[in-house]
Amino acid sequence: GGFISGQYPAVKIRDGDRFRALVNCQYGAY
């Protein structure tokens, strides 16, 4: 149940803004 979290400073959001990323495991971490 271990975790890691990082909370960022506030950002003002506008209509149409999106959060985007690619998620996966690092190569070789079988």
ModelCIF file with pLDDT and N, C-alpha, C, O atoms, coordinates in Angstrom:
data_MODEL
#
_entry.id   MODEL 
#
_entity.id                         1 
_entity.type                       polymer 
_entity.pdbx_number_of_molecules   1 
#
_entity_poly.entity_id                      1 
_entity_poly.type                           'polypeptide(L)' 
_entity_poly.nstd_linkage                   no 
_entity_poly.nstd_monomer                   no 
_entity_poly.pdbx_seq_one_letter_code       GGFISGQYPAVKIRDGDRFRALVNCQYGAY 
_entity_poly.pdbx_seq_one_letter_code_can   GGFISGQYPAVKIRDGDRFRALVNCQYGAY 
_entity_poly.pdbx_strand_id                 A 
#
loop_
_entity_poly_seq.entity_id 
_entity_poly_seq.num 
_entity_poly_seq.mon_id 
_entity_poly_seq.hetero 
1 1  GLY n 
1 2  GLY n 
1 3  PHE n 
1 4  ILE n 
1 5  SER n 
1 6  GLY n 
1 7  GLN n 
1 8  TYR n 
1 9  PRO n 
1 10 ALA n 
1 11 VAL n 
1 12 LYS n 
1 13 ILE n 
1 14 ARG n 
1 15 ASP n 
1 16 GLY n 
1 17 ASP n 
1 18 ARG n 
1 19 PHE n 
1 20 ARG n 
1 21 ALA n 
1 22 LEU n 
1 23 VAL n 
1 24 ASN n 
1 25 CYS n 
1 26 GLN n 
1 27 TYR n 
1 28 GLY n 
1 29 ALA n 
1 30 TYR n 
#
_struct_asym.id          A 
_struct_asym.entity_id   1 
#
loop_
_ma_qa_metric.id 
_ma_qa_metric.mode 
_ma_qa_metric.name 
_ma_qa_metric.software_group_id 
_ma_qa_metric.type 
1 global pLDDT . pLDDT 
2 local  pLDDT . pLDDT 
#
_ma_qa_metric_global.metric_id      1 
_ma_qa_metric_global.metric_value   95.23 
_ma_qa_metric_global.model_id       1 
_ma_qa_metric_global.ordinal_id     1 
#
loop_
_ma_qa_metric_local.label_asym_id 
_ma_qa_metric_local.label_comp_id 
_ma_qa_metric_local.label_seq_id 
_ma_qa_metric_local.metric_id 
_ma_qa_metric_local.metric_value 
_ma_qa_metric_local.model_id 
_ma_qa_metric_local.ordinal_id 
A GLY 1  2 90.00 1 1  
A GLY 2  2 96.00 1 2  
A PHE 3  2 96.00 1 3  
A ILE 4  2 98.00 1 4  
A SER 5  2 98.00 1 5  
A GLY 6  2 98.00 1 6  
A GLN 7  2 98.00 1 7  
A TYR 8  2 98.00 1 8  
A PRO 9  2 98.00 1 9  
A ALA 10 2 98.00 1 10 
A VAL 11 2 97.00 1 11 
A LYS 12 2 97.00 1 12 
A ILE 13 2 97.00 1 13 
A ARG 14 2 94.00 1 14 
A ASP 15 2 87.00 1 15 
A GLY 16 2 83.00 1 16 
A ASP 17 2 90.00 1 17 
A ARG 18 2 90.00 1 18 
A PHE 19 2 96.00 1 19 
A ARG 20 2 94.00 1 20 
A ALA 21 2 96.00 1 21 
A LEU 22 2 96.00 1 22 
A VAL 23 2 97.00 1 23 
A ASN 24 2 97.00 1 24 
A CYS 25 2 97.00 1 25 
A GLN 26 2 97.00 1 26 
A TYR 27 2 97.00 1 27 
A GLY 28 2 96.00 1 28 
A ALA 29 2 96.00 1 29 
A TYR 30 2 95.00 1 30 
#
loop_
_atom_site.group_PDB 
_atom_site.id 
_atom_site.type_symbol 
_atom_site.label_atom_id 
_atom_site.label_alt_id 
_atom_site.label_comp_id 
_atom_site.label_asym_id 
_atom_site.label_entity_id 
_atom_site.label_seq_id 
_atom_site.pdbx_PDB_ins_code 
_atom_site.Cartn_x 
_atom_site.Cartn_y 
_atom_site.Cartn_z 
_atom_site.occupancy 
_atom_site.B_iso_or_equiv 
_atom_site.pdbx_formal_charge 
_atom_site.auth_seq_id 
_atom_site.auth_comp_id 
_atom_site.auth_asym_id 
_atom_site.auth_atom_id 
_atom_site.pdbx_PDB_model_num 
ATOM 1   N N  . GLY A 1 1  ? 0.795   -1.215 0.000   1.00 90.00 ? 1  GLY A N  1 
ATOM 2   C CA . GLY A 1 1  ? 0.000   0.000  0.000   1.00 90.00 ? 1  GLY A CA 1 
ATOM 3   C C  . GLY A 1 1  ? 0.823   1.259  0.000   1.00 90.00 ? 1  GLY A C  1 
ATOM 4   O O  . GLY A 1 1  ? 0.293   2.340  0.257   1.00 90.00 ? 1  GLY A O  1 
ATOM 5   N N  . GLY A 1 2  ? 2.123   1.150  -0.285  1.00 96.00 ? 2  GLY A N  1 
ATOM 6   C CA . GLY A 1 2  ? 2.981   2.328  -0.329  1.00 96.00 ? 2  GLY A CA 1 
ATOM 7   C C  . GLY A 1 2  ? 2.602   3.251  -1.475  1.00 96.00 ? 2  GLY A C  1 
ATOM 8   O O  . GLY A 1 2  ? 2.100   2.797  -2.503  1.00 96.00 ? 2  GLY A O  1 
ATOM 9   N N  . PHE A 1 3  ? 2.843   4.556  -1.301  1.00 96.00 ? 3  PHE A N  1 
ATOM 10  C CA . PHE A 1 3  ? 2.549   5.498  -2.374  1.00 96.00 ? 3  PHE A CA 1 
ATOM 11  C C  . PHE A 1 3  ? 3.530   6.659  -2.344  1.00 96.00 ? 3  PHE A C  1 
ATOM 12  O O  . PHE A 1 3  ? 4.323   6.812  -1.414  1.00 96.00 ? 3  PHE A O  1 
ATOM 13  N N  . ILE A 1 4  ? 3.450   7.466  -3.389  1.00 98.00 ? 4  ILE A N  1 
ATOM 14  C CA . ILE A 1 4  ? 4.174   8.727  -3.465  1.00 98.00 ? 4  ILE A CA 1 
ATOM 15  C C  . ILE A 1 4  ? 3.231   9.733  -4.099  1.00 98.00 ? 4  ILE A C  1 
ATOM 16  O O  . ILE A 1 4  ? 2.512   9.407  -5.044  1.00 98.00 ? 4  ILE A O  1 
ATOM 17  N N  . SER A 1 5  ? 3.230   10.962 -3.581  1.00 98.00 ? 5  SER A N  1 
ATOM 18  C CA . SER A 1 5  ? 2.354   11.995 -4.118  1.00 98.00 ? 5  SER A CA 1 
ATOM 19  C C  . SER A 1 5  ? 3.093   13.319 -4.168  1.00 98.00 ? 5  SER A C  1 
ATOM 20  O O  . SER A 1 5  ? 3.952   13.601 -3.332  1.00 98.00 ? 5  SER A O  1 
ATOM 21  N N  . GLY A 1 6  ? 2.746   14.125 -5.160  1.00 98.00 ? 6  GLY A N  1 
ATOM 22  C CA . GLY A 1 6  ? 3.332   15.457 -5.287  1.00 98.00 ? 6  GLY A CA 1 
ATOM 23  C C  . GLY A 1 6  ? 2.248   16.475 -5.582  1.00 98.00 ? 6  GLY A C  1 
ATOM 24  O O  . GLY A 1 6  ? 1.626   16.435 -6.644  1.00 98.00 ? 6  GLY A O  1 
ATOM 25  N N  . GLN A 1 7  ? 2.010   17.416 -4.621  1.00 98.00 ? 7  GLN A N  1 
ATOM 26  C CA . GLN A 1 7  ? 1.000   18.451 -4.817  1.00 98.00 ? 7  GLN A CA 1 
ATOM 27  C C  . GLN A 1 7  ? 1.663   19.721 -5.338  1.00 98.00 ? 7  GLN A C  1 
ATOM 28  O O  . GLN A 1 7  ? 2.619   20.227 -4.751  1.00 98.00 ? 7  GLN A O  1 
ATOM 29  N N  . TYR A 1 8  ? 1.127   20.233 -6.471  1.00 98.00 ? 8  TYR A N  1 
ATOM 30  C CA . TYR A 1 8  ? 1.703   21.387 -7.162  1.00 98.00 ? 8  TYR A CA 1 
ATOM 31  C C  . TYR A 1 8  ? 1.016   22.681 -6.737  1.00 98.00 ? 8  TYR A C  1 
ATOM 32  O O  . TYR A 1 8  ? -0.096  22.649 -6.209  1.00 98.00 ? 8  TYR A O  1 
ATOM 33  N N  . PRO A 1 9  ? 1.663   23.804 -6.962  1.00 98.00 ? 9  PRO A N  1 
ATOM 34  C CA . PRO A 1 9  ? 1.034   25.092 -6.672  1.00 98.00 ? 9  PRO A CA 1 
ATOM 35  C C  . PRO A 1 9  ? -0.208  25.304 -7.536  1.00 98.00 ? 9  PRO A C  1 
ATOM 36  O O  . PRO A 1 9  ? -0.362  24.666 -8.578  1.00 98.00 ? 9  PRO A O  1 
ATOM 37  N N  . ALA A 1 10 ? -1.092  26.200 -7.101  1.00 98.00 ? 10 ALA A N  1 
ATOM 38  C CA . ALA A 1 10 ? -2.361  26.419 -7.774  1.00 98.00 ? 10 ALA A CA 1 
ATOM 39  C C  . ALA A 1 10 ? -2.160  27.012 -9.171  1.00 98.00 ? 10 ALA A C  1 
ATOM 40  O O  . ALA A 1 10 ? -1.295  27.859 -9.394  1.00 98.00 ? 10 ALA A O  1 
ATOM 41  N N  . VAL A 1 11 ? -2.988  26.536 -10.095 1.00 97.00 ? 11 VAL A N  1 
ATOM 42  C CA . VAL A 1 11 ? -3.011  27.025 -11.477 1.00 97.00 ? 11 VAL A CA 1 
ATOM 43  C C  . VAL A 1 11 ? -4.443  27.450 -11.782 1.00 97.00 ? 11 VAL A C  1 
ATOM 44  O O  . VAL A 1 11 ? -5.387  26.730 -11.457 1.00 97.00 ? 11 VAL A O  1 
ATOM 45  N N  . LYS A 1 12 ? -4.610  28.629 -12.411 1.00 97.00 ? 12 LYS A N  1 
ATOM 46  C CA . LYS A 1 12 ? -5.953  29.070 -12.777 1.00 97.00 ? 12 LYS A CA 1 
ATOM 47  C C  . LYS A 1 12 ? -6.375  28.393 -14.074 1.00 97.00 ? 12 LYS A C  1 
ATOM 48  O O  . LYS A 1 12 ? -5.660  28.436 -15.076 1.00 97.00 ? 12 LYS A O  1 
ATOM 49  N N  . ILE A 1 13 ? -7.542  27.772 -14.039 1.00 97.00 ? 13 ILE A N  1 
ATOM 50  C CA . ILE A 1 13 ? -8.023  26.963 -15.154 1.00 97.00 ? 13 ILE A CA 1 
ATOM 51  C C  . ILE A 1 13 ? -9.034  27.748 -15.984 1.00 97.00 ? 13 ILE A C  1 
ATOM 52  O O  . ILE A 1 13 ? -9.846  28.504 -15.451 1.00 97.00 ? 13 ILE A O  1 
ATOM 53  N N  . ARG A 1 14 ? -8.967  27.552 -17.300 1.00 94.00 ? 14 ARG A N  1 
ATOM 54  C CA . ARG A 1 14 ? -9.925  28.149 -18.222 1.00 94.00 ? 14 ARG A CA 1 
ATOM 55  C C  . ARG A 1 14 ? -10.740 27.053 -18.900 1.00 94.00 ? 14 ARG A C  1 
ATOM 56  O O  . ARG A 1 14 ? -10.367 25.880 -18.910 1.00 94.00 ? 14 ARG A O  1 
ATOM 57  N N  . ASP A 1 15 ? -11.861 27.477 -19.464 1.00 87.00 ? 15 ASP A N  1 
ATOM 58  C CA . ASP A 1 15 ? -12.702 26.532 -20.192 1.00 87.00 ? 15 ASP A CA 1 
ATOM 59  C C  . ASP A 1 15 ? -11.916 25.947 -21.366 1.00 87.00 ? 15 ASP A C  1 
ATOM 60  O O  . ASP A 1 15 ? -11.286 26.682 -22.126 1.00 87.00 ? 15 ASP A O  1 
ATOM 61  N N  . GLY A 1 16 ? -11.957 24.614 -21.510 1.00 83.00 ? 16 GLY A N  1 
ATOM 62  C CA . GLY A 1 16 ? -11.235 23.937 -22.578 1.00 83.00 ? 16 GLY A CA 1 
ATOM 63  C C  . GLY A 1 16 ? -9.865  23.437 -22.182 1.00 83.00 ? 16 GLY A C  1 
ATOM 64  O O  . GLY A 1 16 ? -9.238  22.708 -22.951 1.00 83.00 ? 16 GLY A O  1 
ATOM 65  N N  . ASP A 1 17 ? -9.372  23.807 -20.993 1.00 90.00 ? 17 ASP A N  1 
ATOM 66  C CA . ASP A 1 17 ? -8.074  23.291 -20.541 1.00 90.00 ? 17 ASP A CA 1 
ATOM 67  C C  . ASP A 1 17 ? -8.174  21.786 -20.307 1.00 90.00 ? 17 ASP A C  1 
ATOM 68  O O  . ASP A 1 17 ? -9.225  21.257 -19.943 1.00 90.00 ? 17 ASP A O  1 
ATOM 69  N N  . ARG A 1 18 ? -7.047  21.119 -20.528 1.00 90.00 ? 18 ARG A N  1 
ATOM 70  C CA . ARG A 1 18 ? -7.013  19.654 -20.370 1.00 90.00 ? 18 ARG A CA 1 
ATOM 71  C C  . ARG A 1 18 ? -5.708  19.251 -19.683 1.00 90.00 ? 18 ARG A C  1 
ATOM 72  O O  . ARG A 1 18 ? -4.664  19.872 -19.880 1.00 90.00 ? 18 ARG A O  1 
ATOM 73  N N  . PHE A 1 19 ? -5.796  18.184 -18.864 1.00 96.00 ? 19 PHE A N  1 
ATOM 74  C CA . PHE A 1 19 ? -4.596  17.538 -18.330 1.00 96.00 ? 19 PHE A CA 1 
ATOM 75  C C  . PHE A 1 19 ? -4.264  16.362 -19.236 1.00 96.00 ? 19 PHE A C  1 
ATOM 76  O O  . PHE A 1 19 ? -5.127  15.538 -19.541 1.00 96.00 ? 19 PHE A O  1 
ATOM 77  N N  . ARG A 1 20 ? -2.997  16.289 -19.667 1.00 94.00 ? 20 ARG A N  1 
ATOM 78  C CA . ARG A 1 20 ? -2.588  15.235 -20.590 1.00 94.00 ? 20 ARG A CA 1 
ATOM 79  C C  . ARG A 1 20 ? -1.256  14.643 -20.146 1.00 94.00 ? 20 ARG A C  1 
ATOM 80  O O  . ARG A 1 20 ? -0.391  15.335 -19.609 1.00 94.00 ? 20 ARG A O  1 
ATOM 81  N N  . ALA A 1 21 ? -1.117  13.343 -20.388 1.00 96.00 ? 21 ALA A N  1 
ATOM 82  C CA . ALA A 1 21 ? 0.127   12.630 -20.079 1.00 96.00 ? 21 ALA A CA 1 
ATOM 83  C C  . ALA A 1 21 ? 0.052   11.251 -20.701 1.00 96.00 ? 21 ALA A C  1 
ATOM 84  O O  . ALA A 1 21 ? -1.013  10.795 -21.117 1.00 96.00 ? 21 ALA A O  1 
ATOM 85  N N  . LEU A 1 22 ? 1.205   10.594 -20.758 1.00 96.00 ? 22 LEU A N  1 
ATOM 86  C CA . LEU A 1 22 ? 1.257   9.169  -21.073 1.00 96.00 ? 22 LEU A CA 1 
ATOM 87  C C  . LEU A 1 22 ? 1.711   8.456  -19.809 1.00 96.00 ? 22 LEU A C  1 
ATOM 88  O O  . LEU A 1 22 ? 2.659   8.896  -19.159 1.00 96.00 ? 22 LEU A O  1 
ATOM 89  N N  . VAL A 1 23 ? 1.050   7.363  -19.453 1.00 97.00 ? 23 VAL A N  1 
ATOM 90  C CA . VAL A 1 23 ? 1.417   6.625  -18.247 1.00 97.00 ? 23 VAL A CA 1 
ATOM 91  C C  . VAL A 1 23 ? 1.825   5.205  -18.630 1.00 97.00 ? 23 VAL A C  1 
ATOM 92  O O  . VAL A 1 23 ? 1.206   4.574  -19.488 1.00 97.00 ? 23 VAL A O  1 
ATOM 93  N N  . ASN A 1 24 ? 2.866   4.723  -17.986 1.00 97.00 ? 24 ASN A N  1 
ATOM 94  C CA . ASN A 1 24 ? 3.341   3.356  -18.196 1.00 97.00 ? 24 ASN A CA 1 
ATOM 95  C C  . ASN A 1 24 ? 4.442   3.053  -17.194 1.00 97.00 ? 24 ASN A C  1 
ATOM 96  O O  . ASN A 1 24 ? 4.858   3.925  -16.431 1.00 97.00 ? 24 ASN A O  1 
ATOM 97  N N  . CYS A 1 25 ? 4.905   1.825  -17.202 1.00 97.00 ? 25 CYS A N  1 
ATOM 98  C CA . CYS A 1 25 ? 6.036   1.435  -16.358 1.00 97.00 ? 25 CYS A CA 1 
ATOM 99  C C  . CYS A 1 25 ? 7.334   1.629  -17.139 1.00 97.00 ? 25 CYS A C  1 
ATOM 100 O O  . CYS A 1 25 ? 7.351   1.581  -18.369 1.00 97.00 ? 25 CYS A O  1 
ATOM 101 N N  . GLN A 1 26 ? 8.397   1.844  -16.412 1.00 97.00 ? 26 GLN A N  1 
ATOM 102 C CA . GLN A 1 26 ? 9.700   2.007  -17.056 1.00 97.00 ? 26 GLN A CA 1 
ATOM 103 C C  . GLN A 1 26 ? 10.142  0.692  -17.694 1.00 97.00 ? 26 GLN A C  1 
ATOM 104 O O  . GLN A 1 26 ? 9.876   -0.387 -17.163 1.00 97.00 ? 26 GLN A O  1 
ATOM 105 N N  . TYR A 1 27 ? 10.806  0.791  -18.819 1.00 97.00 ? 27 TYR A N  1 
ATOM 106 C CA . TYR A 1 27 ? 11.231  -0.411 -19.537 1.00 97.00 ? 27 TYR A CA 1 
ATOM 107 C C  . TYR A 1 27 ? 12.117  -1.279 -18.639 1.00 97.00 ? 27 TYR A C  1 
ATOM 108 O O  . TYR A 1 27 ? 13.041  -0.786 -17.992 1.00 97.00 ? 27 TYR A O  1 
ATOM 109 N N  . GLY A 1 28 ? 11.818  -2.577 -18.615 1.00 96.00 ? 28 GLY A N  1 
ATOM 110 C CA . GLY A 1 28 ? 12.592  -3.530 -17.824 1.00 96.00 ? 28 GLY A CA 1 
ATOM 111 C C  . GLY A 1 28 ? 12.053  -3.767 -16.427 1.00 96.00 ? 28 GLY A C  1 
ATOM 112 O O  . GLY A 1 28 ? 12.524  -4.666 -15.731 1.00 96.00 ? 28 GLY A O  1 
ATOM 113 N N  . ALA A 1 29 ? 11.052  -2.961 -15.993 1.00 96.00 ? 29 ALA A N  1 
ATOM 114 C CA . ALA A 1 29 ? 10.465  -3.157 -14.656 1.00 96.00 ? 29 ALA A CA 1 
ATOM 115 C C  . ALA A 1 29 ? 9.346   -4.184 -14.772 1.00 96.00 ? 29 ALA A C  1 
ATOM 116 O O  . ALA A 1 29 ? 8.167   -3.847 -14.662 1.00 96.00 ? 29 ALA A O  1 
ATOM 117 N N  . TYR A 1 30 ? 9.725   -5.434 -14.994 1.00 95.00 ? 30 TYR A N  1 
ATOM 118 C CA . TYR A 1 30 ? 8.764   -6.479 -15.375 1.00 95.00 ? 30 TYR A CA 1 
ATOM 119 C C  . TYR A 1 30 ? 7.719   -6.779 -14.303 1.00 95.00 ? 30 TYR A C  1 
ATOM 120 O O  . TYR A 1 30 ? 6.858   -7.635 -14.503 1.00 95.00 ? 30 TYR A O  1 
#
